[in-house]
Amino acid sequence: MTYIGIDISKNFYVAAAIVKGKSRVQKFPNTPGGHKSLVRWAENRAKRVKEEELAFVMEATSRYHLECALFLQGKGLRVRIVNPRFVHDFRRAMRYENKTDITDAEVLARFGEVRRPAEWQPPSEEIVRLRDLVRRREDLVGMIQQERNRLSVPNLSSHLRESLEQVLEFLTGKLADVERQIREVVFGDAELSRQVELAESIPWMGFWTAVVVLALGGYQNCALLCGNWRG
């Protein structure tokens, strides 16, 4: 099996494959087109060593890995999402001193080869619905902040101020509705409710942060982050 380490950020990611003991690295945009290019690149690397199976290894550190992971799994490829703490310890043991996007991807590839982490499972239907609602909430929060910023501009005309206030009232109502739906989804499902409560046990994680972590990362990501904090 060929392990592909992927170090993901918001706009791009770096993939590394270890082929015959040597690292092969490529950068891709974190977009559907980038995911397709990643698959082609990884399959070409595997063919060179006559290896049919691929496994993609990512850290459970943020929301940015999820779309890529879902795309890869939708193509029938194996995905491993791993605890950052374990990767950190592995990096130290392997004596990787420089920390860059490239070395991070290489460490993940070698971590996969050595540790053989379990295969990642996709989110449930409840998580998918929660994720859509969470994203809508984030959009509304951003739009509300924009309108508030416009209202803070001095010397606004009365007509413009009235228009902004009307839009702000409308958006605030929509936000309240979405937040109500999110609570219904969370507290209407025993496992979702339990996972949110577990995440909230971390001191810096409030309800909405816990919901975002769960919605965008699924049960496994939530469990990994909680386990990482508890050490």
Protein backbone atom coordinates (compact mmCIF):
# COMPACT_ATOMS: atom_id res chain seq x y z
CA MET A 1 0.00 0.00 0.00
CA THR A 2 1.19 3.51 -0.86
CA TYR A 3 0.50 6.10 1.83
CA ILE A 4 -0.09 9.70 0.77
CA GLY A 5 0.39 12.30 3.50
CA ILE A 6 -1.70 15.45 3.05
CA ASP A 7 -1.05 18.68 4.93
CA ILE A 8 -4.18 20.78 4.39
CA SER A 9 -4.87 24.47 4.81
CA LYS A 10 -7.80 26.62 3.72
CA ASN A 11 -6.74 27.32 0.14
CA PHE A 12 -4.30 24.55 -0.75
CA TYR A 13 -2.64 21.38 0.47
CA VAL A 14 0.64 19.59 0.01
CA ALA A 15 0.67 15.86 -0.69
CA ALA A 16 3.69 13.62 -0.16
CA ALA A 17 4.19 10.02 -1.26
CA ILE A 18 7.12 7.87 -0.18
CA VAL A 19 8.25 5.93 -3.25
CA LYS A 20 11.20 3.54 -2.84
CA GLY A 21 12.32 5.43 0.25
CA LYS A 22 12.21 8.83 -1.47
CA SER A 23 9.62 11.55 -0.99
CA ARG A 24 7.59 12.80 -3.94
CA VAL A 25 5.72 16.03 -3.19
CA GLN A 26 3.07 18.07 -5.01
CA LYS A 27 0.91 21.08 -4.14
CA PHE A 28 -2.81 21.26 -5.02
CA PRO A 29 -5.60 23.81 -4.58
CA ASN A 30 -8.13 22.80 -1.94
CA THR A 31 -10.95 22.63 -4.50
CA PRO A 32 -12.85 19.85 -6.31
CA GLY A 33 -10.51 20.30 -9.27
CA GLY A 34 -7.53 20.02 -6.95
CA HIS A 35 -8.91 16.81 -5.46
CA LYS A 36 -9.20 15.28 -8.95
CA SER A 37 -5.61 16.26 -9.72
CA LEU A 38 -4.50 14.76 -6.41
CA VAL A 39 -6.07 11.40 -7.30
CA ARG A 40 -4.39 11.33 -10.72
CA TRP A 41 -1.03 12.28 -9.21
CA ALA A 42 -1.31 9.67 -6.43
CA GLU A 43 -2.36 6.93 -8.85
CA ASN A 44 0.64 7.71 -11.07
CA ARG A 45 2.97 7.44 -8.07
CA ALA A 46 1.47 4.08 -7.12
CA LYS A 47 1.70 2.68 -10.65
CA ARG A 48 5.42 3.36 -10.74
CA VAL A 49 5.93 0.86 -7.96
CA LYS A 50 3.15 -1.44 -9.17
CA GLU A 51 1.08 -0.72 -6.09
CA GLU A 52 -2.68 -0.79 -6.57
CA GLU A 53 -3.86 0.40 -3.14
CA LEU A 54 -3.62 3.96 -1.89
CA ALA A 55 -4.27 5.37 1.58
CA PHE A 56 -4.49 9.12 2.26
CA VAL A 57 -3.46 10.33 5.72
CA MET A 58 -4.60 13.67 7.21
CA GLU A 59 -4.65 15.25 10.65
CA ALA A 60 -7.89 15.97 12.50
CA THR A 61 -6.94 19.57 13.13
CA SER A 62 -9.49 21.71 11.32
CA ARG A 63 -12.48 21.83 9.00
CA TYR A 64 -10.40 22.09 5.85
CA HIS A 65 -9.71 18.39 5.43
CA LEU A 66 -13.32 17.28 5.32
CA GLU A 67 -14.24 18.04 1.72
CA CYS A 68 -11.08 16.39 0.45
CA ALA A 69 -11.66 13.34 2.64
CA LEU A 70 -15.25 12.98 1.44
CA PHE A 71 -14.16 13.35 -2.19
CA LEU A 72 -11.49 10.66 -1.85
CA GLN A 73 -13.80 8.25 -0.09
CA GLY A 74 -16.46 8.89 -2.71
CA LYS A 75 -13.93 7.64 -5.25
CA GLY A 76 -13.56 4.41 -3.30
CA LEU A 77 -10.16 5.40 -1.89
CA ARG A 78 -8.98 4.77 1.66
CA VAL A 79 -8.73 7.73 4.04
CA ARG A 80 -7.08 7.89 7.46
CA ILE A 81 -7.72 10.87 9.73
CA VAL A 82 -5.34 10.80 12.68
CA ASN A 83 -4.79 12.43 16.05
CA PRO A 84 -2.38 15.41 15.78
CA ARG A 85 -0.79 14.50 19.10
CA PHE A 86 0.24 11.08 17.83
CA VAL A 87 1.70 12.68 14.71
CA HIS A 88 3.59 15.21 16.83
CA ASP A 89 5.15 12.42 18.91
CA PHE A 90 6.00 10.49 15.77
CA ARG A 91 7.67 13.58 14.26
CA ARG A 92 9.89 13.92 17.31
CA ALA A 93 10.80 10.23 17.23
CA MET A 94 11.70 10.50 13.54
CA ARG A 95 13.76 13.65 14.28
CA TYR A 96 12.11 15.92 11.75
CA GLU A 97 13.47 19.28 12.89
CA ASN A 98 12.18 21.63 10.21
CA LYS A 99 8.41 22.20 10.20
CA THR A 100 7.10 23.14 6.77
CA ASP A 101 4.11 22.14 4.65
CA ILE A 102 6.35 19.67 2.84
CA THR A 103 7.79 18.03 5.94
CA ASP A 104 4.34 17.91 7.55
CA ALA A 105 3.04 15.97 4.54
CA GLU A 106 6.08 13.67 4.57
CA VAL A 107 5.61 12.94 8.27
CA LEU A 108 1.98 12.02 7.69
CA ALA A 109 2.95 9.65 4.86
CA ARG A 110 5.58 7.93 7.01
CA PHE A 111 3.19 7.86 9.97
CA GLY A 112 0.75 5.94 7.78
CA GLU A 113 3.42 3.46 6.71
CA VAL A 114 4.58 2.78 10.26
CA ARG A 115 1.42 3.07 12.35
CA ARG A 116 -1.17 1.83 9.83
CA PRO A 117 -4.05 3.90 11.31
CA ALA A 118 -7.67 2.75 11.05
CA GLU A 119 -9.77 3.71 8.08
CA TRP A 120 -11.91 6.83 8.44
CA GLN A 121 -15.70 6.55 8.32
CA PRO A 122 -17.82 9.25 6.61
CA PRO A 123 -20.26 11.37 8.59
CA SER A 124 -23.84 10.23 9.19
CA GLU A 125 -26.94 11.84 7.64
CA GLU A 126 -27.49 13.78 10.87
CA ILE A 127 -23.95 15.15 10.70
CA VAL A 128 -24.43 16.13 7.04
CA ARG A 129 -27.61 18.04 7.91
CA LEU A 130 -25.91 19.67 10.88
CA ARG A 131 -22.97 20.67 8.68
CA ASP A 132 -25.27 22.41 6.19
CA LEU A 133 -26.97 24.33 8.98
CA VAL A 134 -23.65 25.29 10.57
CA ARG A 135 -22.36 26.65 7.29
CA ARG A 136 -25.55 28.64 6.82
CA ARG A 137 -25.16 30.03 10.33
CA GLU A 138 -21.59 31.10 9.55
CA ASP A 139 -22.78 32.86 6.39
CA LEU A 140 -25.49 34.73 8.29
CA VAL A 141 -23.12 35.72 11.10
CA GLY A 142 -20.76 37.17 8.49
CA MET A 143 -23.53 39.09 6.72
CA ILE A 144 -24.82 40.48 10.03
CA GLN A 145 -21.35 41.70 10.93
CA GLN A 146 -21.05 43.41 7.54
CA GLU A 147 -24.32 45.26 8.06
CA ARG A 148 -23.28 46.28 11.57
CA ASN A 149 -20.02 47.62 10.19
CA ARG A 150 -21.95 49.68 7.64
CA LEU A 151 -24.19 51.04 10.37
CA SER A 152 -21.14 52.19 12.33
CA VAL A 153 -20.09 54.57 9.54
CA PRO A 154 -20.63 58.17 10.72
CA ASN A 155 -23.05 60.61 9.08
CA LEU A 156 -25.27 58.04 7.40
CA SER A 157 -28.40 59.40 5.78
CA SER A 158 -31.65 58.48 7.49
CA HIS A 159 -32.80 56.50 4.45
CA LEU A 160 -29.62 54.43 4.32
CA ARG A 161 -29.69 53.82 8.06
CA GLU A 162 -33.28 52.65 7.88
CA SER A 163 -32.44 50.29 5.01
CA LEU A 164 -29.49 48.81 6.87
CA GLU A 165 -31.54 48.33 10.02
CA GLN A 166 -34.26 46.54 8.07
CA VAL A 167 -31.75 44.19 6.48
CA LEU A 168 -30.09 43.61 9.84
CA GLU A 169 -33.43 42.76 11.45
CA PHE A 170 -34.22 40.32 8.63
CA LEU A 171 -30.83 38.59 8.87
CA THR A 172 -31.01 38.40 12.66
CA GLY A 173 -34.37 36.67 12.37
CA LYS A 174 -32.95 34.18 9.86
CA LEU A 175 -30.00 33.51 12.17
CA ALA A 176 -32.34 32.81 15.09
CA ASP A 177 -34.28 30.36 12.91
CA VAL A 178 -31.14 28.51 11.81
CA GLU A 179 -29.86 28.32 15.39
CA ARG A 180 -33.22 26.90 16.46
CA GLN A 181 -32.93 24.21 13.77
CA ILE A 182 -29.39 23.38 14.89
CA ARG A 183 -30.52 22.90 18.48
CA GLU A 184 -33.37 20.68 17.29
CA VAL A 185 -30.93 18.49 15.35
CA VAL A 186 -28.45 18.26 18.23
CA PHE A 187 -30.88 17.65 21.07
CA GLY A 188 -33.16 15.47 18.95
CA ASP A 189 -30.40 12.88 18.53
CA ALA A 190 -28.97 11.16 21.59
CA GLU A 191 -25.52 10.57 20.10
CA LEU A 192 -25.17 14.10 18.73
CA SER A 193 -26.19 15.50 22.09
CA ARG A 194 -23.68 13.28 23.89
CA GLN A 195 -20.86 14.25 21.54
CA VAL A 196 -21.55 17.98 21.93
CA GLU A 197 -21.60 17.59 25.71
CA LEU A 198 -18.28 15.72 25.52
CA ALA A 199 -16.71 18.47 23.42
CA GLU A 200 -18.04 21.18 25.75
CA SER A 201 -16.09 19.54 28.58
CA ILE A 202 -12.96 21.10 27.05
CA PRO A 203 -12.54 24.46 28.86
CA TRP A 204 -12.11 26.63 25.76
CA MET A 205 -14.93 25.00 23.76
CA GLY A 206 -18.43 26.44 24.11
CA PHE A 207 -21.62 25.10 22.59
CA TRP A 208 -21.29 26.68 19.15
CA THR A 209 -17.62 25.76 18.80
CA ALA A 210 -18.47 22.19 19.80
CA VAL A 211 -21.24 22.06 17.22
CA VAL A 212 -18.90 23.34 14.50
CA VAL A 213 -16.24 20.75 15.38
CA LEU A 214 -18.81 17.97 15.34
CA ALA A 215 -20.57 19.13 12.18
CA LEU A 216 -17.44 19.70 10.12
CA GLY A 217 -15.35 16.83 11.46
CA GLY A 218 -17.84 14.15 12.47
CA TYR A 219 -17.77 11.87 15.51
CA GLN A 220 -14.22 10.67 14.85
CA ASN A 221 -12.78 14.17 14.61
CA CYS A 222 -14.60 15.24 17.77
CA ALA A 223 -13.34 12.18 19.65
CA LEU A 224 -9.78 12.72 18.42
CA LEU A 225 -9.72 16.36 19.52
CA CYS A 226 -11.19 15.51 22.93
CA GLY A 227 -8.71 12.68 23.36
CA ASN A 228 -5.87 14.97 22.30
CA TRP A 229 -6.83 17.57 24.92
CA ARG A 230 -7.11 15.01 27.69
CA GLY A 231 -3.71 13.60 26.77
